[in-house]
PDB file of N, CA and C in Angstrom:
ATOM      1  N   MET A   1     -26.889  82.807  50.450  1.00  0.00           N
ATOM      2  CA  MET A   1     -26.275  83.333  51.221  1.00  0.00           C
ATOM      3  C   MET A   1     -24.877  83.834  50.425  1.00  0.00           C
ATOM      4  N   PRO A   2     -24.512  85.159  50.835  1.00  0.00           N
ATOM      5  CA  PRO A   2     -22.962  85.401  49.939  1.00  0.00           C
ATOM      6  C   PRO A   2     -21.797  84.999  50.655  1.00  0.00           C
ATOM      7  N   THR A   3     -20.888  84.766  50.074  1.00  0.00           N
ATOM      8  CA  THR A   3     -19.570  84.127  50.401  1.00  0.00           C
ATOM      9  C   THR A   3     -18.414  85.236  50.420  1.00  0.00           C
ATOM     10  N   CYS A   4     -17.780  85.284  51.375  1.00  0.00           N
ATOM     11  CA  CYS A   4     -16.680  86.045  51.629  1.00  0.00           C
ATOM     12  C   CYS A   4     -15.399  85.495  50.236  1.00  0.00           C
ATOM     13  N   LYS A   5     -15.178  86.678  49.932  1.00  0.00           N
ATOM     14  CA  LYS A   5     -13.905  86.274  48.863  1.00  0.00           C
ATOM     15  C   LYS A   5     -12.637  85.940  49.518  1.00  0.00           C
ATOM     16  N   ALA A   6     -12.506  86.387  50.869  1.00  0.00           N
ATOM     17  CA  ALA A   6     -11.104  86.439  51.462  1.00  0.00           C
ATOM     18  C   ALA A   6     -11.099  84.924  52.102  1.00  0.00           C
ATOM     19  N   CYS A   7     -12.294  84.267  52.767  1.00  0.00           N
ATOM     20  CA  CYS A   7     -12.116  83.439  53.665  1.00  0.00           C
ATOM     21  C   CYS A   7     -12.793  82.146  53.109  1.00  0.00           C
ATOM     22  N   GLY A   8     -13.803  82.680  51.940  1.00  0.00           N
ATOM     23  CA  GLY A   8     -14.611  81.427  51.557  1.00  0.00           C
ATOM     24  C   GLY A   8     -15.830  81.099  52.453  1.00  0.00           C
ATOM     25  N   ASP A   9     -15.945  81.606  53.649  1.00  0.00           N
ATOM     26  CA  ASP A   9     -17.232  81.176  54.415  1.00  0.00           C
ATOM     27  C   ASP A   9     -18.314  82.032  53.970  1.00  0.00           C
ATOM     28  N   GLU A  10     -19.688  81.684  54.279  1.00  0.00           N
ATOM     29  CA  GLU A  10     -20.693  82.133  54.053  1.00  0.00           C
ATOM     30  C   GLU A  10     -21.216  83.263  55.335  1.00  0.00           C
ATOM     31  N   ALA A  11     -21.406  84.240  54.808  1.00  0.00           N
ATOM     32  CA  ALA A  11     -21.731  85.621  55.781  1.00  0.00           C
ATOM     33  C   ALA A  11     -23.281  86.207  55.554  1.00  0.00           C
ATOM     34  N   ASP A  12     -23.540  86.719  56.747  1.00  0.00           N
ATOM     35  CA  ASP A  12     -24.914  87.395  56.474  1.00  0.00           C
ATOM     36  C   ASP A  12     -24.774  88.548  55.539  1.00  0.00           C
ATOM     37  N   GLU A  13     -23.515  89.296  55.804  1.00  0.00           N
ATOM     38  CA  GLU A  13     -23.752  90.663  55.120  1.00  0.00           C
ATOM     39  C   GLU A  13     -21.756  90.857  54.977  1.00  0.00           C
ATOM     40  N   LEU A  14     -21.676  91.297  53.560  1.00  0.00           N
ATOM     41  CA  LEU A  14     -20.602  91.180  53.278  1.00  0.00           C
ATOM     42  C   LEU A  14     -20.148  92.999  53.034  1.00  0.00           C
ATOM     43  N   VAL A  15     -18.821  93.408  53.204  1.00  0.00           N
ATOM     44  CA  VAL A  15     -18.530  94.548  53.403  1.00  0.00           C
ATOM     45  C   VAL A  15     -17.564  94.748  52.072  1.00  0.00           C
ATOM     46  N   SER A  16     -17.452  95.861  51.466  1.00  0.00           N
ATOM     47  CA  SER A  16     -16.726  96.281  50.310  1.00  0.00           C
ATOM     48  C   SER A  16     -15.659  97.083  50.904  1.00  0.00           C
ATOM     49  N   ILE A  17     -14.225  96.531  50.812  1.00  0.00           N
ATOM     50  CA  ILE A  17     -13.133  96.903  51.212  1.00  0.00           C
ATOM     51  C   ILE A  17     -12.262  97.056  49.967  1.00  0.00           C
ATOM     52  N   LYS A  18     -11.140  97.858  49.803  1.00  0.00           N
ATOM     53  CA  LYS A  18     -10.048  98.251  48.890  1.00  0.00           C
ATOM     54  C   LYS A  18      -8.858  97.619  49.445  1.00  0.00           C
ATOM     55  N   VAL A  19      -8.343  96.559  48.893  1.00  0.00           N
ATOM     56  CA  VAL A  19      -7.160  95.565  49.135  1.00  0.00           C
ATOM     57  C   VAL A  19      -6.168  95.750  47.841  1.00  0.00           C
ATOM     58  N   ASP A  20      -5.063  96.065  48.365  1.00  0.00           N
ATOM     59  CA  ASP A  20      -4.167  96.628  46.837  1.00  0.00           C
ATOM     60  C   ASP A  20      -4.487  97.021  45.767  1.00  0.00           C
ATOM     61  N   GLY A  21      -5.380  98.015  45.857  1.00  0.00           N
ATOM     62  CA  GLY A  21      -5.904  98.970  44.823  1.00  0.00           C
ATOM     63  C   GLY A  21      -7.352  98.045  43.985  1.00  0.00           C
ATOM     64  N   LYS A  22      -7.560  97.117  44.657  1.00  0.00           N
ATOM     65  CA  LYS A  22      -8.948  96.546  44.191  1.00  0.00           C
ATOM     66  C   LYS A  22     -10.069  95.941  45.206  1.00  0.00           C
ATOM     67  N   ARG A  23     -11.249  96.317  44.588  1.00  0.00           N
ATOM     68  CA  ARG A  23     -12.172  96.202  45.523  1.00  0.00           C
ATOM     69  C   ARG A  23     -12.523  94.659  45.749  1.00  0.00           C
ATOM     70  N   LYS A  24     -13.041  94.437  47.282  1.00  0.00           N
ATOM     71  CA  LYS A  24     -13.367  93.347  47.363  1.00  0.00           C
ATOM     72  C   LYS A  24     -14.513  93.072  48.221  1.00  0.00           C
ATOM     73  N   LYS A  25     -15.592  92.234  48.277  1.00  0.00           N
ATOM     74  CA  LYS A  25     -16.342  91.913  48.925  1.00  0.00           C
ATOM     75  C   LYS A  25     -16.043  90.674  50.025  1.00  0.00           C
ATOM     76  N   VAL A  26     -15.869  91.081  51.408  1.00  0.00           N
ATOM     77  CA  VAL A  26     -15.324  90.187  52.356  1.00  0.00           C
ATOM     78  C   VAL A  26     -16.253  90.098  53.563  1.00  0.00           C
ATOM     79  N   CYS A  27     -16.121  89.259  54.619  1.00  0.00           N
ATOM     80  CA  CYS A  27     -17.222  89.410  55.847  1.00  0.00           C
ATOM     81  C   CYS A  27     -16.542  90.601  56.607  1.00  0.00           C
ATOM     82  N   GLU A  28     -16.749  90.847  57.733  1.00  0.00           N
ATOM     83  CA  GLU A  28     -16.600  91.850  58.763  1.00  0.00           C
ATOM     84  C   GLU A  28     -15.378  91.439  59.330  1.00  0.00           C
ATOM     85  N   ASP A  29     -15.330  90.464  59.802  1.00  0.00           N
ATOM     86  CA  ASP A  29     -14.048  89.678  60.213  1.00  0.00           C
ATOM     87  C   ASP A  29     -12.675  89.737  59.289  1.00  0.00           C
ATOM     88  N   CYS A  30     -12.768  89.523  58.174  1.00  0.00           N
ATOM     89  CA  CYS A  30     -12.026  89.733  57.150  1.00  0.00           C
ATOM     90  C   CYS A  30     -11.342  91.176  56.941  1.00  0.00           C
ATOM     91  N   ALA A  31     -12.447  91.937  57.176  1.00  0.00           N
ATOM     92  CA  ALA A  31     -12.552  93.352  56.726  1.00  0.00           C
ATOM     93  C   ALA A  31     -11.674  93.973  58.021  1.00  0.00           C
ATOM     94  N   GLU A  32     -11.593  93.677  59.126  1.00  0.00           N
ATOM     95  CA  GLU A  32     -11.049  93.968  60.548  1.00  0.00           C
ATOM     96  C   GLU A  32      -9.546  93.650  60.669  1.00  0.00           C
ATOM     97  N   LEU A  33      -9.434  92.445  59.808  1.00  0.00           N
ATOM     98  CA  LEU A  33      -7.837  91.719  59.753  1.00  0.00           C
ATOM     99  C   LEU A  33      -7.159  92.620  58.570  1.00  0.00           C
ATOM    100  N   ALA A  34      -7.969  92.686  57.356  1.00  0.00           N
ATOM    101  CA  ALA A  34      -7.183  93.480  56.462  1.00  0.00           C
ATOM    102  C   ALA A  34      -6.963  95.299  56.738  1.00  0.00           C
ATOM    103  N   ALA A  35      -7.827  95.651  57.716  1.00  0.00           N
ATOM    104  CA  ALA A  35      -7.367  96.984  58.210  1.00  0.00           C
ATOM    105  C   ALA A  35      -6.311  96.734  59.299  1.00  0.00           C
ATOM    106  N   GLU A  36      -6.082  96.091  59.961  1.00  0.00           N
ATOM    107  CA  GLU A  36      -5.192  95.827  60.827  1.00  0.00           C
ATOM    108  C   GLU A  36      -3.934  95.576  59.996  1.00  0.00           C
ATOM    109  N   GLU A  37      -3.942  94.796  59.022  1.00  0.00           N
ATOM    110  CA  GLU A  37      -2.486  94.564  58.491  1.00  0.00           C
ATOM    111  C   GLU A  37      -2.398  95.440  57.398  1.00  0.00           C
ATOM    112  N   ALA A  38      -3.366  96.321  57.015  1.00  0.00           N
ATOM    113  CA  ALA A  38      -2.746  97.749  56.332  1.00  0.00           C
ATOM    114  C   ALA A  38      -2.164  98.972  57.060  1.00  0.00           C
ATOM    115  N   GLU A  39      -2.741  98.853  58.624  1.00  0.00           N
ATOM    116  CA  GLU A  39      -1.703  99.492  59.189  1.00  0.00           C
ATOM    117  C   GLU A  39      -0.809  99.448  59.842  1.00  0.00           C
ATOM    118  N   ILE A  40      -0.457  98.132  60.127  1.00  0.00           N
ATOM    119  CA  ILE A  40       0.850  97.438  60.401  1.00  0.00           C
ATOM    120  C   ILE A  40       1.641  97.756  59.151  1.00  0.00           C
ATOM    121  N   ALA A  41       1.538  97.372  57.996  1.00  0.00           N
ATOM    122  CA  ALA A  41       2.295  97.967  56.827  1.00  0.00           C
ATOM    123  C   ALA A  41       2.724  99.515  56.847  1.00  0.00           C
ATOM    124  N   GLU A  42       1.729 100.127  57.147  1.00  0.00           N
ATOM    125  CA  GLU A  42       2.031 101.728  57.254  1.00  0.00           C
ATOM    126  C   GLU A  42       3.092 102.076  57.933  1.00  0.00           C
ATOM    127  N   GLU A  43       2.812 101.524  59.339  1.00  0.00           N
ATOM    128  CA  GLU A  43       3.829 101.729  60.345  1.00  0.00           C
ATOM    129  C   GLU A  43       4.943 101.488  60.163  1.00  0.00           C
ATOM    130  N   SER A  44       5.133 100.122  59.413  1.00  0.00           N
ATOM    131  CA  SER A  44       6.416  99.669  59.442  1.00  0.00           C
ATOM    132  C   SER A  44       7.406 100.039  58.436  1.00  0.00           C
ATOM    133  N   GLU A  45       6.555 100.626  56.986  1.00  0.00           N
ATOM    134  CA  GLU A  45       7.127 101.293  55.926  1.00  0.00           C
ATOM    135  C   GLU A  45       7.291 102.836  56.725  1.00  0.00           C
ATOM    136  N   SER A  46       6.854 103.573  57.358  1.00  0.00           N
ATOM    137  CA  SER A  46       7.380 104.715  58.114  1.00  0.00           C
ATOM    138  C   SER A  46       8.858 104.688  58.624  1.00  0.00           C
ATOM    139  N   VAL A  47       8.600 103.589  59.563  1.00  0.00           N
ATOM    140  CA  VAL A  47       9.864 103.259  60.520  1.00  0.00           C
ATOM    141  C   VAL A  47      11.284 102.852  59.526  1.00  0.00           C
ATOM    142  N   VAL A  48      10.798 102.062  58.411  1.00  0.00           N
ATOM    143  CA  VAL A  48      12.144 102.302  57.450  1.00  0.00           C
ATOM    144  C   VAL A  48      12.545 103.261  56.761  1.00  0.00           C
ATOM    145  N   GLN A  49      11.766 103.907  56.505  1.00  0.00           N
ATOM    146  CA  GLN A  49      11.840 105.195  55.841  1.00  0.00           C
ATOM    147  C   GLN A  49      12.719 106.297  56.707  1.00  0.00           C
ATOM    148  N   GLU A  50      12.243 106.391  57.763  1.00  0.00           N
ATOM    149  CA  GLU A  50      12.829 107.108  58.890  1.00  0.00           C
ATOM    150  C   GLU A  50      14.383 106.499  59.131  1.00  0.00           C
ATOM    151  N   MET A  51      14.445 105.157  59.368  1.00  0.00           N
ATOM    152  CA  MET A  51      15.520 104.606  59.347  1.00  0.00           C
ATOM    153  C   MET A  51      16.676 104.662  58.420  1.00  0.00           C
ATOM    154  N   MET A  52      16.217 105.079  57.171  1.00  0.00           N
ATOM    155  CA  MET A  52      17.001 105.406  56.045  1.00  0.00           C
ATOM    156  C   MET A  52      17.243 106.986  55.747  1.00  0.00           C
ATOM    157  N   GLY A  53      16.611 107.528  56.567  1.00  0.00           N
ATOM    158  CA  GLY A  53      16.966 109.051  56.514  1.00  0.00           C
ATOM    159  C   GLY A  53      15.886 109.801  55.098  1.00  0.00           C
ATOM    160  N   PHE A  54      14.772 108.805  54.891  1.00  0.00           N
ATOM    161  CA  PHE A  54      13.798 109.638  53.792  1.00  0.00           C
ATOM    162  C   PHE A  54      13.070 111.026  54.614  1.00  0.00           C
ATOM    163  N   LYS A  55      13.109 111.942  53.426  1.00  0.00           N
ATOM    164  CA  LYS A  55      12.997 113.268  53.818  1.00  0.00           C
ATOM    165  C   LYS A  55      11.433 113.547  53.006  1.00  0.00           C
ATOM    166  N   GLY A  56      11.330 112.721  52.067  1.00  0.00           N
ATOM    167  CA  GLY A  56      10.209 113.289  51.016  1.00  0.00           C
ATOM    168  C   GLY A  56       8.875 113.021  51.804  1.00  0.00           C
ATOM    169  N   ARG A  57       7.786 113.087  50.697  1.00  0.00           N
ATOM    170  CA  ARG A  57       6.341 112.872  51.296  1.00  0.00           C
ATOM    171  C   ARG A  57       6.397 111.569  50.163  1.00  0.00           C
ATOM    172  N   ARG A  58       5.412 110.650  50.704  1.00  0.00           N
ATOM    173  CA  ARG A  58       4.881 109.772  50.010  1.00  0.00           C
ATOM    174  C   ARG A  58       3.495 110.175  49.491  1.00  0.00           C
TER     175      ARG A  58
END
């Protein structure tokens, strides 16, 4: 059985995701968690940019 690179558990199927510019093969649970964390980071970055008056594009 394949092993998840994030949690180390064995999984039936691994999903390839991009984390910090690198591809990793992780289980579906870890993939969902990484997607949620990326969404939260993006929202918090936009809030900080808005608070600082950033008008450019990223």
